[in-house]
C-alpha atoms as a PDB file:
ATOM      1  CA  PHE A   1     116.346 101.428  93.203  1.00  0.00           C
ATOM      2  CA  VAL A   2     114.692  97.911  93.156  1.00  0.00           C
ATOM      3  CA  ASP A   3     116.164  95.152  95.591  1.00  0.00           C
ATOM      4  CA  THR A   4     116.489  92.704  92.907  1.00  0.00           C
ATOM      5  CA  ASP A   5     117.665  90.090  95.050  1.00  0.00           C
ATOM      6  CA  LEU A   6     114.033  90.325  96.946  1.00  0.00           C
ATOM      7  CA  PHE A   7     111.968  91.138  93.808  1.00  0.00           C
ATOM      8  CA  ILE A   8     112.020  88.161  91.930  1.00  0.00           C
ATOM      9  CA  LYS A   9     109.755  85.888  89.885  1.00  0.00           C
ATOM     10  CA  LYS A  10     108.216  83.720  91.674  1.00  0.00           C
ATOM     11  CA  GLU A  11     106.423  80.246  90.249  1.00  0.00           C
ATOM     12  CA  LEU A  12     103.408  79.910  92.094  1.00  0.00           C
ATOM     13  CA  PRO A  13      99.795  78.646  91.651  1.00  0.00           C
ATOM     14  CA  LYS A  14      97.925  81.521  90.429  1.00  0.00           C
ATOM     15  CA  LYS A  15      95.100  82.487  92.500  1.00  0.00           C
ATOM     16  CA  TYR A  16      94.413  86.071  90.550  1.00  0.00           C
ATOM     17  CA  ASP A  17      94.088  86.997  87.186  1.00  0.00           C
ATOM     18  CA  ILE A  18      95.144  90.408  87.877  1.00  0.00           C
ATOM     19  CA  ILE A  19      97.116  92.231  90.370  1.00  0.00           C
ATOM     20  CA  TYR A  20      97.170  95.757  91.017  1.00  0.00           C
ATOM     21  CA  ILE A  21      99.042  97.387  94.002  1.00  0.00           C
ATOM     22  CA  ALA A  22      98.386 101.447  94.479  1.00  0.00           C
ATOM     23  CA  ARG A  23      96.759 103.521  97.181  1.00  0.00           C
ATOM     24  CA  PHE A  24      92.636 104.087  96.264  1.00  0.00           C
ATOM     25  CA  ASP A  25      93.394 107.518  94.803  1.00  0.00           C
ATOM     26  CA  ALA A  26      90.306 107.846  92.177  1.00  0.00           C
ATOM     27  CA  LYS A  27      92.221 111.080  90.674  1.00  0.00           C
ATOM     28  CA  GLN A  28      95.363 109.210  90.057  1.00  0.00           C
ATOM     29  CA  LYS A  29      95.443 105.716  90.223  1.00  0.00           C
ATOM     30  CA  ASN A  30      92.228 104.862  88.300  1.00  0.00           C
ATOM     31  CA  HIS A  31      90.857 101.651  90.026  1.00  0.00           C
ATOM     32  CA  GLN A  32      87.590 102.435  88.335  1.00  0.00           C
ATOM     33  CA  GLY A  33      89.419 102.347  84.940  1.00  0.00           C
ATOM     34  CA  LEU A  34      90.496  98.854  85.982  1.00  0.00           C
ATOM     35  CA  LEU A  35      87.161  97.859  86.995  1.00  0.00           C
ATOM     36  CA  GLU A  36      85.487  99.053  84.062  1.00  0.00           C
ATOM     37  CA  ALA A  37      87.954  97.311  81.757  1.00  0.00           C
ATOM     38  CA  VAL A  38      87.340  93.611  83.267  1.00  0.00           C
ATOM     39  CA  ALA A  39      83.673  94.317  83.745  1.00  0.00           C
ATOM     40  CA  GLY A  40      81.751  91.051  82.528  1.00  0.00           C
ATOM     41  CA  LEU A  41      84.883  88.979  82.404  1.00  0.00           C
ATOM     42  CA  GLY A  42      84.776  86.810  85.458  1.00  0.00           C
ATOM     43  CA  LEU A  43      88.516  87.716  86.327  1.00  0.00           C
ATOM     44  CA  LYS A  44      89.722  87.502  89.816  1.00  0.00           C
ATOM     45  CA  VAL A  45      91.447  91.003  90.647  1.00  0.00           C
ATOM     46  CA  LEU A  46      93.723  91.596  93.907  1.00  0.00           C
ATOM     47  CA  LEU A  47      94.215  95.177  94.834  1.00  0.00           C
ATOM     48  CA  ILE A  48      96.607  95.645  97.288  1.00  0.00           C
ATOM     49  CA  GLY A  49      96.483  99.367  98.570  1.00  0.00           C
ATOM     50  CA  ARG A  50      94.249 101.869 101.446  1.00  0.00           C
ATOM     51  CA  GLY A  51      92.862 105.279 100.832  1.00  0.00           C
ATOM     52  CA  SER A  52      89.424 106.436 101.103  1.00  0.00           C
ATOM     53  CA  ASP A  53      87.795 105.205  97.463  1.00  0.00           C
ATOM     54  CA  LYS A  54      88.170 101.579  98.972  1.00  0.00           C
ATOM     55  CA  GLU A  55      84.484 101.212  99.907  1.00  0.00           C
ATOM     56  CA  LYS A  56      83.807 102.868  96.503  1.00  0.00           C
ATOM     57  CA  MET A  57      85.875  99.922  94.997  1.00  0.00           C
ATOM     58  CA  ILE A  58      83.821  97.370  96.818  1.00  0.00           C
ATOM     59  CA  GLY A  59      80.821  98.519  95.327  1.00  0.00           C
ATOM     60  CA  GLU A  60      81.475  98.976  91.889  1.00  0.00           C
ATOM     61  CA  ALA A  61      83.042  95.303  91.723  1.00  0.00           C
ATOM     62  CA  GLU A  62      79.994  94.277  93.229  1.00  0.00           C
ATOM     63  CA  ARG A  63      77.677  96.085  91.021  1.00  0.00           C
ATOM     64  CA  LYS A  64      80.227  94.642  87.744  1.00  0.00           C
ATOM     65  CA  ASN A  65      80.313  91.120  88.827  1.00  0.00           C
ATOM     66  CA  THR A  66      83.898  91.160  89.144  1.00  0.00           C
ATOM     67  CA  LYS A  67      85.661  88.844  91.561  1.00  0.00           C
ATOM     68  CA  LEU A  68      87.489  91.354  93.945  1.00  0.00           C
ATOM     69  CA  GLU A  69      89.816  91.179  96.704  1.00  0.00           C
ATOM     70  CA  ILE A  70      91.709  93.798  98.805  1.00  0.00           C
ATOM     71  CA  ILE A  71      94.755  93.909 101.210  1.00  0.00           C
ATOM     72  CA  GLU A  72      95.772  96.955 102.822  1.00  0.00           C
ATOM     73  CA  ARG A  73      98.830  96.047 104.502  1.00  0.00           C
ATOM     74  CA  VAL A  74     101.245  93.511 102.817  1.00  0.00           C
ATOM     75  CA  SER A  75     105.251  93.727 103.696  1.00  0.00           C
ATOM     76  CA  ASN A  76     108.097  94.001 101.290  1.00  0.00           C
ATOM     77  CA  GLU A  77     108.855  90.811 101.738  1.00  0.00           C
ATOM     78  CA  GLU A  78     105.336  89.027 100.647  1.00  0.00           C
ATOM     79  CA  ILE A  79     104.704  91.225  97.595  1.00  0.00           C
ATOM     80  CA  PRO A  80     106.755  88.985  95.527  1.00  0.00           C
ATOM     81  CA  ASN A  81     104.619  86.424  96.330  1.00  0.00           C
ATOM     82  CA  TYR A  82     101.299  87.756  95.633  1.00  0.00           C
ATOM     83  CA  TYR A  83     103.063  88.935  92.121  1.00  0.00           C
ATOM     84  CA  GLY A  84     103.712  85.454  91.730  1.00  0.00           C
ATOM     85  CA  SER A  85     100.361  83.976  92.571  1.00  0.00           C
ATOM     86  CA  SER A  86      98.829  86.502  89.772  1.00  0.00           C
ATOM     87  CA  LYS A  87      98.854  86.234  85.761  1.00  0.00           C
ATOM     88  CA  ILE A  88      99.267  89.569  84.829  1.00  0.00           C
ATOM     89  CA  CYS A  89      99.663  93.237  86.527  1.00  0.00           C
ATOM     90  CA  VAL A  90      97.633  96.196  85.654  1.00  0.00           C
ATOM     91  CA  PHE A  91      98.728  99.933  85.705  1.00  0.00           C
ATOM     92  CA  PRO A  92      95.541 101.974  84.641  1.00  0.00           C
ATOM     93  CA  SER A  93      97.084 105.149  86.286  1.00  0.00           C
ATOM     94  CA  LEU A  94      96.069 108.782  84.824  1.00  0.00           C
ATOM     95  CA  PHE A  95      99.471 109.819  85.600  1.00  0.00           C
ATOM     96  CA  GLU A  96     102.477 108.936  87.846  1.00  0.00           C
ATOM     97  CA  GLY A  97     106.307 110.002  88.703  1.00  0.00           C
ATOM     98  CA  ASN A  98     108.242 106.857  89.216  1.00  0.00           C
ATOM     99  CA  PRO A  99     106.073 104.238  90.346  1.00  0.00           C
ATOM    100  CA  LYS A 100     108.288 101.978  92.919  1.00  0.00           C
ATOM    101  CA  ALA A 101     104.972  99.471  92.741  1.00  0.00           C
ATOM    102  CA  LEU A 102     105.971  98.946  88.830  1.00  0.00           C
ATOM    103  CA  LEU A 103     109.335  98.747  89.038  1.00  0.00           C
ATOM    104  CA  GLU A 104     109.172  95.900  91.408  1.00  0.00           C
ATOM    105  CA  ALA A 105     106.537  94.111  89.166  1.00  0.00           C
ATOM    106  CA  MET A 106     109.165  94.441  86.352  1.00  0.00           C
ATOM    107  CA  SER A 107     111.782  93.512  88.544  1.00  0.00           C
ATOM    108  CA  CYS A 108     109.099  90.005  89.495  1.00  0.00           C
ATOM    109  CA  GLU A 109     108.845  89.501  85.486  1.00  0.00           C
ATOM    110  CA  MET A 110     105.296  90.197  85.395  1.00  0.00           C
ATOM    111  CA  PRO A 111     103.388  90.683  82.444  1.00  0.00           C
ATOM    112  CA  ILE A 112     102.221  94.178  82.886  1.00  0.00           C
ATOM    113  CA  VAL A 113      99.422  96.249  81.250  1.00  0.00           C
ATOM    114  CA  ALA A 114      99.894 100.005  81.943  1.00  0.00           C
ATOM    115  CA  CYS A 115      98.732 103.576  80.472  1.00  0.00           C
ATOM    116  CA  GLU A 116     101.445 105.241  78.471  1.00  0.00           C
ATOM    117  CA  MET A 117     102.263 108.451  80.112  1.00  0.00           C
ATOM    118  CA  PRO A 118     105.221 110.027  81.356  1.00  0.00           C
ATOM    119  CA  GLY A 119     106.351 107.992  84.448  1.00  0.00           C
ATOM    120  CA  ILE A 120     105.292 104.864  82.904  1.00  0.00           C
ATOM    121  CA  GLY A 121     106.183 105.174  79.244  1.00  0.00           C
ATOM    122  CA  ASN A 122     109.701 105.920  80.446  1.00  0.00           C
ATOM    123  CA  LEU A 123     109.995 102.758  81.854  1.00  0.00           C
ATOM    124  CA  ILE A 124     107.935 100.257  79.773  1.00  0.00           C
ATOM    125  CA  GLU A 125     108.717  99.964  76.003  1.00  0.00           C
ATOM    126  CA  ASN A 126     105.396  98.915  74.299  1.00  0.00           C
ATOM    127  CA  GLY A 127     105.479  95.406  72.580  1.00  0.00           C
ATOM    128  CA  LYS A 128     108.778  94.883  74.528  1.00  0.00           C
ATOM    129  CA  SER A 129     108.642  95.203  78.174  1.00  0.00           C
ATOM    130  CA  GLY A 130     104.672  95.558  78.743  1.00  0.00           C
ATOM    131  CA  LEU A 131     102.087  96.640  76.795  1.00  0.00           C
ATOM    132  CA  LEU A 132     100.551  99.954  76.943  1.00  0.00           C
ATOM    133  CA  SER A 133      97.962 102.049  75.946  1.00  0.00           C
ATOM    134  CA  GLU A 134      95.612 105.234  75.878  1.00  0.00           C
ATOM    135  CA  PRO A 135      93.869 105.098  79.766  1.00  0.00           C
ATOM    136  CA  LYS A 136      90.836 103.897  78.126  1.00  0.00           C
ATOM    137  CA  ASP A 137      88.807 100.750  79.506  1.00  0.00           C
ATOM    138  CA  ASP A 138      88.180  99.137  76.172  1.00  0.00           C
ATOM    139  CA  LEU A 139      91.736  99.758  75.459  1.00  0.00           C
ATOM    140  CA  ILE A 140      93.097  98.509  78.796  1.00  0.00           C
ATOM    141  CA  ARG A 141      90.804  95.518  78.450  1.00  0.00           C
ATOM    142  CA  LYS A 142      91.920  94.682  75.016  1.00  0.00           C
ATOM    143  CA  ASN A 143      95.690  94.350  76.725  1.00  0.00           C
ATOM    144  CA  ILE A 144      94.733  92.333  79.584  1.00  0.00           C
ATOM    145  CA  LEU A 145      92.715  89.689  77.383  1.00  0.00           C
ATOM    146  CA  LYS A 146      95.533  89.582  74.864  1.00  0.00           C
ATOM    147  CA  LEU A 147      97.981  88.768  77.976  1.00  0.00           C
ATOM    148  CA  LEU A 148      95.520  86.591  79.427  1.00  0.00           C
ATOM    149  CA  ASP A 149      95.562  84.428  76.204  1.00  0.00           C
ATOM    150  CA  ASP A 150      99.445  84.454  75.187  1.00  0.00           C
ATOM    151  CA  GLN A 151     101.347  83.112  78.195  1.00  0.00           C
ATOM    152  CA  GLU A 152     104.505  82.989  75.946  1.00  0.00           C
ATOM    153  CA  LEU A 153     104.220  86.681  75.265  1.00  0.00           C
ATOM    154  CA  GLY A 154     103.583  87.528  78.698  1.00  0.00           C
ATOM    155  CA  LYS A 155     107.110  85.222  79.808  1.00  0.00           C
ATOM    156  CA  GLU A 156     108.853  87.504  76.799  1.00  0.00           C
ATOM    157  CA  LEU A 157     107.598  90.941  78.120  1.00  0.00           C
ATOM    158  CA  GLY A 158     108.569  89.898  81.760  1.00  0.00           C
ATOM    159  CA  GLY A 159     111.699  88.829  80.710  1.00  0.00           C
ATOM    160  CA  ASN A 160     112.594  91.880  79.380  1.00  0.00           C
ATOM    161  CA  ALA A 161     111.241  93.760  82.137  1.00  0.00           C
ATOM    162  CA  ARG A 162     113.480  92.035  84.426  1.00  0.00           C
ATOM    163  CA  LYS A 163     116.499  92.750  82.316  1.00  0.00           C
ATOM    164  CA  PHE A 164     115.458  96.305  81.896  1.00  0.00           C
ATOM    165  CA  ILE A 165     115.313  96.382  85.775  1.00  0.00           C
ATOM    166  CA  LEU A 166     118.667  94.886  86.148  1.00  0.00           C
ATOM    167  CA  GLU A 167     120.701  97.348  83.731  1.00  0.00           C
ATOM    168  CA  ASN A 168     119.095 100.689  85.121  1.00  0.00           C
ATOM    169  CA  TYR A 169     117.394 100.225  88.801  1.00  0.00           C
ATOM    170  CA  SER A 170     119.622  97.551  90.543  1.00  0.00           C
ATOM    171  CA  LEU A 171     120.975  98.555  93.562  1.00  0.00           C
ATOM    172  CA  ASP A 172     124.559  98.162  92.259  1.00  0.00           C
ATOM    173  CA  ASN A 173     123.953  99.625  88.872  1.00  0.00           C
ATOM    174  CA  ILE A 174     122.676 102.834  91.080  1.00  0.00           C
ATOM    175  CA  PHE A 175     125.243 102.361  93.156  1.00  0.00           C
ATOM    176  CA  THR A 176     127.621 102.681  90.267  1.00  0.00           C
ATOM    177  CA  LYS A 177     126.220 105.301  88.232  1.00  0.00           C
ATOM    178  CA  GLU A 178     126.099 107.612  91.957  1.00  0.00           C
ATOM    179  CA  THR A 179     129.690 106.949  92.825  1.00  0.00           C
ATOM    180  CA  ASP A 180     130.877 107.755  89.104  1.00  0.00           C
ATOM    181  CA  ILE A 181     128.711 110.985  89.658  1.00  0.00           C
ATOM    182  CA  TYR A 182     131.075 111.917  92.803  1.00  0.00           C
ATOM    183  CA  LYS A 183     133.882 110.811  91.062  1.00  0.00           C
ATOM    184  CA  ASN A 184     133.222 113.379  88.289  1.00  0.00           C
ATOM    185  CA  LEU A 185     132.444 116.047  90.889  1.00  0.00           C
ATOM    186  CA  PHE A 186     135.489 115.586  92.885  1.00  0.00           C
ATOM    187  CA  ARG A 187     137.704 115.537  89.492  1.00  0.00           C
ATOM    188  CA  LYS A 188     136.608 119.245  88.989  1.00  0.00           C
END
């Protein structure tokens, strides 16, 4: 579930072009693909997370002349502020389960670019609540540029994402679904 009272849209000055919240894990999270996708664009990227690939990401960003800021620890209460100070959220993961950070970004009405695969494709409807592509740098780049260039599209996608979360992942909704399951079990 998502705490939809905490994870709400914040209208703040935009300090970052892109935000990605995930542990540094090259085999799954694909930070490298994100840095390749934004190489040469002059964008400011915020990565929130920890892991063994942190130093590698810093070096890669320097080689690609990408403005990169890394914050290792952020409380849940602060996350909506970081989303609010970012233009778009990117999830270039190569595989996922049910990514909590993605659900929280959707609840905050973030325009989202992500890779289409199980774990993400079942949460985001391409062109309705985010933009999906294969996990290829040029396709991720194309979707990033599309959302940066079309703020109205980003607002529409973000609004639809929030609606999806409220209908499917809010605490109230999950509680109701689980209560119904227990009621049905006890009737049998």
